[in-house]
Amino acid sequence: MITIRLFARLREQLGCSALELPMPPAPATVAALGPLLAERGEQWRALLEREEILVAINQEMADRQSPLQSGDEVAFFPPVTGG
């Protein structure tokens, strides 16, 4: 299983802060989560298509091609701005 965590406006837009998904098919990457997320609806499918959305695996910054292992926590969050 993979744990998905959503932060900030993503959590608000999708009405969910966390969920668990089965391991995606090989090669198991963040991008491979797309079809599993798409099963939840259009807004979920679009999550991985939005390039500005950042991703971390086990609290380490990652990208869409980063490999996944069972038990990983994948976090999606919008870019942080500040000043």
N, C-alpha and C. Protein backbone atom coordinates (compact mmCIF):
# COMPACT_ATOMS: atom_id res chain seq x y z
N MET A 1 0.83 -1.18 0.00
CA MET A 1 0.00 0.00 0.00
C MET A 1 0.88 1.25 0.00
N ILE A 2 0.32 2.29 -0.56
CA ILE A 2 0.94 3.61 -0.60
C ILE A 2 -0.01 4.57 0.13
N THR A 3 0.52 5.41 0.98
CA THR A 3 -0.29 6.43 1.64
C THR A 3 -0.14 7.73 0.87
N ILE A 4 -1.26 8.33 0.52
CA ILE A 4 -1.29 9.62 -0.17
C ILE A 4 -1.71 10.68 0.84
N ARG A 5 -0.97 11.76 0.91
CA ARG A 5 -1.34 12.88 1.78
C ARG A 5 -1.48 14.13 0.91
N LEU A 6 -2.49 14.91 1.22
CA LEU A 6 -2.76 16.15 0.49
C LEU A 6 -2.71 17.32 1.46
N PHE A 7 -2.14 18.42 1.00
CA PHE A 7 -1.97 19.57 1.86
C PHE A 7 -2.55 20.84 1.24
N ALA A 8 -2.82 21.81 2.11
CA ALA A 8 -3.27 23.15 1.72
C ALA A 8 -4.52 23.09 0.84
N ARG A 9 -4.52 23.84 -0.23
CA ARG A 9 -5.73 23.94 -1.05
C ARG A 9 -6.09 22.61 -1.73
N LEU A 10 -5.13 21.73 -1.94
CA LEU A 10 -5.45 20.42 -2.52
C LEU A 10 -6.37 19.64 -1.59
N ARG A 11 -6.06 19.68 -0.30
CA ARG A 11 -6.90 19.00 0.68
C ARG A 11 -8.31 19.58 0.65
N GLU A 12 -8.40 20.90 0.55
CA GLU A 12 -9.71 21.56 0.51
C GLU A 12 -10.46 21.24 -0.78
N GLN A 13 -9.79 21.31 -1.91
CA GLN A 13 -10.45 21.06 -3.20
C GLN A 13 -10.93 19.62 -3.33
N LEU A 14 -10.16 18.68 -2.82
CA LEU A 14 -10.50 17.27 -2.98
C LEU A 14 -11.27 16.70 -1.79
N GLY A 15 -11.37 17.49 -0.72
CA GLY A 15 -12.13 17.05 0.44
C GLY A 15 -11.54 15.84 1.14
N CYS A 16 -10.21 15.76 1.11
CA CYS A 16 -9.55 14.58 1.68
C CYS A 16 -8.14 14.99 2.10
N SER A 17 -7.69 14.51 3.25
CA SER A 17 -6.33 14.82 3.66
C SER A 17 -5.39 13.62 3.47
N ALA A 18 -5.95 12.41 3.46
CA ALA A 18 -5.11 11.22 3.30
C ALA A 18 -5.95 10.05 2.81
N LEU A 19 -5.31 9.15 2.07
CA LEU A 19 -5.94 7.91 1.65
C LEU A 19 -4.86 6.90 1.36
N GLU A 20 -5.25 5.65 1.29
CA GLU A 20 -4.32 4.59 0.96
C GLU A 20 -4.71 3.98 -0.37
N LEU A 21 -3.71 3.70 -1.19
CA LEU A 21 -3.91 3.09 -2.50
C LEU A 21 -3.03 1.84 -2.60
N PRO A 22 -3.46 0.88 -3.41
CA PRO A 22 -2.58 -0.27 -3.66
C PRO A 22 -1.35 0.19 -4.44
N MET A 23 -0.32 -0.61 -4.40
CA MET A 23 0.87 -0.30 -5.20
C MET A 23 0.49 -0.21 -6.66
N PRO A 24 0.98 0.82 -7.37
CA PRO A 24 0.71 0.89 -8.80
C PRO A 24 1.48 -0.20 -9.54
N PRO A 25 1.07 -0.51 -10.77
CA PRO A 25 1.79 -1.53 -11.54
C PRO A 25 3.20 -1.07 -11.88
N ALA A 26 4.06 -2.01 -12.15
CA ALA A 26 5.46 -1.70 -12.51
C ALA A 26 5.50 -0.98 -13.85
N PRO A 27 6.39 -0.04 -14.03
CA PRO A 27 7.28 0.46 -13.00
C PRO A 27 6.51 1.34 -12.02
N ALA A 28 6.66 1.09 -10.74
CA ALA A 28 5.94 1.82 -9.70
C ALA A 28 6.60 3.17 -9.48
N THR A 29 6.00 4.20 -10.04
CA THR A 29 6.48 5.57 -9.89
C THR A 29 5.33 6.45 -9.44
N VAL A 30 5.64 7.68 -9.09
CA VAL A 30 4.58 8.64 -8.74
C VAL A 30 3.62 8.78 -9.92
N ALA A 31 4.14 8.88 -11.13
CA ALA A 31 3.28 9.02 -12.32
C ALA A 31 2.34 7.84 -12.47
N ALA A 32 2.77 6.66 -12.06
CA ALA A 32 1.94 5.46 -12.18
C ALA A 32 0.75 5.48 -11.24
N LEU A 33 0.73 6.42 -10.29
CA LEU A 33 -0.42 6.57 -9.42
C LEU A 33 -1.61 7.18 -10.17
N GLY A 34 -1.34 7.79 -11.34
CA GLY A 34 -2.38 8.47 -12.10
C GLY A 34 -3.65 7.67 -12.31
N PRO A 35 -3.57 6.46 -12.87
CA PRO A 35 -4.79 5.68 -13.09
C PRO A 35 -5.52 5.33 -11.80
N LEU A 36 -4.79 5.10 -10.72
CA LEU A 36 -5.43 4.80 -9.44
C LEU A 36 -6.15 6.02 -8.89
N LEU A 37 -5.55 7.18 -9.05
CA LEU A 37 -6.21 8.42 -8.61
C LEU A 37 -7.39 8.75 -9.51
N ALA A 38 -7.27 8.48 -10.80
CA ALA A 38 -8.35 8.78 -11.75
C ALA A 38 -9.63 8.03 -11.41
N GLU A 39 -9.50 6.86 -10.80
CA GLU A 39 -10.69 6.11 -10.40
C GLU A 39 -11.54 6.88 -9.39
N ARG A 40 -10.96 7.84 -8.71
CA ARG A 40 -11.67 8.65 -7.71
C ARG A 40 -12.40 9.84 -8.33
N GLY A 41 -12.14 10.14 -9.62
CA GLY A 41 -12.84 11.23 -10.28
C GLY A 41 -11.91 12.16 -11.04
N GLU A 42 -12.52 13.04 -11.79
CA GLU A 42 -11.78 13.96 -12.67
C GLU A 42 -10.80 14.85 -11.91
N GLN A 43 -11.20 15.42 -10.79
CA GLN A 43 -10.30 16.30 -10.04
C GLN A 43 -9.06 15.53 -9.57
N TRP A 44 -9.24 14.29 -9.20
CA TRP A 44 -8.11 13.48 -8.77
C TRP A 44 -7.19 13.18 -9.94
N ARG A 45 -7.76 12.87 -11.10
CA ARG A 45 -6.96 12.58 -12.29
C ARG A 45 -6.09 13.78 -12.63
N ALA A 46 -6.66 14.94 -12.53
CA ALA A 46 -5.95 16.17 -12.90
C ALA A 46 -4.81 16.49 -11.94
N LEU A 47 -4.83 15.90 -10.75
CA LEU A 47 -3.80 16.21 -9.76
C LEU A 47 -2.39 16.00 -10.30
N LEU A 48 -2.13 14.89 -10.95
CA LEU A 48 -0.79 14.61 -11.46
C LEU A 48 -0.48 15.35 -12.75
N GLU A 49 -1.49 15.89 -13.41
CA GLU A 49 -1.26 16.63 -14.65
C GLU A 49 -0.85 18.07 -14.39
N ARG A 50 -1.10 18.57 -13.22
CA ARG A 50 -0.77 19.96 -12.89
C ARG A 50 0.70 20.04 -12.50
N GLU A 51 1.49 20.61 -13.39
CA GLU A 51 2.94 20.64 -13.19
C GLU A 51 3.37 21.44 -11.97
N GLU A 52 2.56 22.42 -11.55
CA GLU A 52 2.96 23.24 -10.42
C GLU A 52 2.83 22.51 -9.08
N ILE A 53 2.12 21.39 -9.06
CA ILE A 53 1.94 20.63 -7.83
C ILE A 53 3.25 19.92 -7.48
N LEU A 54 3.69 20.11 -6.25
CA LEU A 54 4.92 19.51 -5.77
C LEU A 54 4.63 18.15 -5.15
N VAL A 55 5.64 17.30 -5.14
CA VAL A 55 5.48 15.96 -4.58
C VAL A 55 6.69 15.62 -3.70
N ALA A 56 6.40 14.89 -2.64
CA ALA A 56 7.46 14.39 -1.77
C ALA A 56 7.16 12.92 -1.47
N ILE A 57 8.21 12.14 -1.35
CA ILE A 57 8.08 10.74 -0.95
C ILE A 57 8.82 10.60 0.38
N ASN A 58 8.08 10.16 1.38
CA ASN A 58 8.66 9.99 2.72
C ASN A 58 9.37 11.27 3.18
N GLN A 59 8.72 12.39 2.93
CA GLN A 59 9.17 13.73 3.35
C GLN A 59 10.44 14.19 2.65
N GLU A 60 10.75 13.61 1.50
CA GLU A 60 11.88 14.04 0.66
C GLU A 60 11.31 14.49 -0.68
N MET A 61 11.71 15.66 -1.15
CA MET A 61 11.21 16.14 -2.43
C MET A 61 11.50 15.11 -3.53
N ALA A 62 10.55 14.97 -4.44
CA ALA A 62 10.65 13.97 -5.50
C ALA A 62 10.04 14.54 -6.77
N ASP A 63 10.02 13.73 -7.82
CA ASP A 63 9.36 14.13 -9.05
C ASP A 63 8.46 13.00 -9.52
N ARG A 64 7.80 13.20 -10.62
CA ARG A 64 6.80 12.23 -11.10
C ARG A 64 7.42 10.88 -11.51
N GLN A 65 8.71 10.87 -11.81
CA GLN A 65 9.38 9.63 -12.22
C GLN A 65 10.06 8.91 -11.05
N SER A 66 9.95 9.45 -9.87
CA SER A 66 10.57 8.83 -8.69
C SER A 66 9.92 7.48 -8.39
N PRO A 67 10.74 6.48 -8.08
CA PRO A 67 10.20 5.14 -7.81
C PRO A 67 9.50 5.08 -6.45
N LEU A 68 8.55 4.18 -6.36
CA LEU A 68 7.80 3.96 -5.13
C LEU A 68 8.04 2.54 -4.62
N GLN A 69 7.94 2.40 -3.31
CA GLN A 69 8.01 1.09 -2.66
C GLN A 69 6.80 0.96 -1.74
N SER A 70 6.40 -0.25 -1.51
CA SER A 70 5.29 -0.48 -0.60
C SER A 70 5.57 0.18 0.74
N GLY A 71 4.57 0.86 1.28
CA GLY A 71 4.72 1.54 2.57
C GLY A 71 5.12 3.00 2.45
N ASP A 72 5.46 3.46 1.24
CA ASP A 72 5.84 4.86 1.06
C ASP A 72 4.67 5.80 1.34
N GLU A 73 5.02 7.01 1.77
CA GLU A 73 4.05 8.09 1.92
C GLU A 73 4.34 9.11 0.83
N VAL A 74 3.34 9.39 -0.01
CA VAL A 74 3.48 10.35 -1.10
C VAL A 74 2.63 11.56 -0.75
N ALA A 75 3.27 12.72 -0.68
CA ALA A 75 2.56 13.95 -0.35
C ALA A 75 2.50 14.85 -1.57
N PHE A 76 1.32 15.42 -1.79
CA PHE A 76 1.12 16.40 -2.86
C PHE A 76 0.77 17.73 -2.22
N PHE A 77 1.39 18.80 -2.70
CA PHE A 77 1.09 20.11 -2.15
C PHE A 77 1.39 21.20 -3.18
N PRO A 78 0.68 22.32 -3.05
CA PRO A 78 0.92 23.42 -3.98
C PRO A 78 2.23 24.11 -3.65
N PRO A 79 2.77 24.86 -4.60
CA PRO A 79 4.00 25.61 -4.31
C PRO A 79 3.77 26.58 -3.15
N VAL A 80 4.78 26.77 -2.36
CA VAL A 80 4.68 27.66 -1.21
C VAL A 80 5.19 29.03 -1.63
N THR A 81 4.43 30.04 -1.28
CA THR A 81 4.87 31.41 -1.54
C THR A 81 4.97 32.13 -0.21
N GLY A 82 5.74 33.14 -0.19
CA GLY A 82 5.88 33.90 1.04
C GLY A 82 6.72 35.13 0.78
N GLY A 83 6.90 35.88 1.78
CA GLY A 83 7.69 37.07 1.58
C GLY A 83 8.05 37.76 2.82
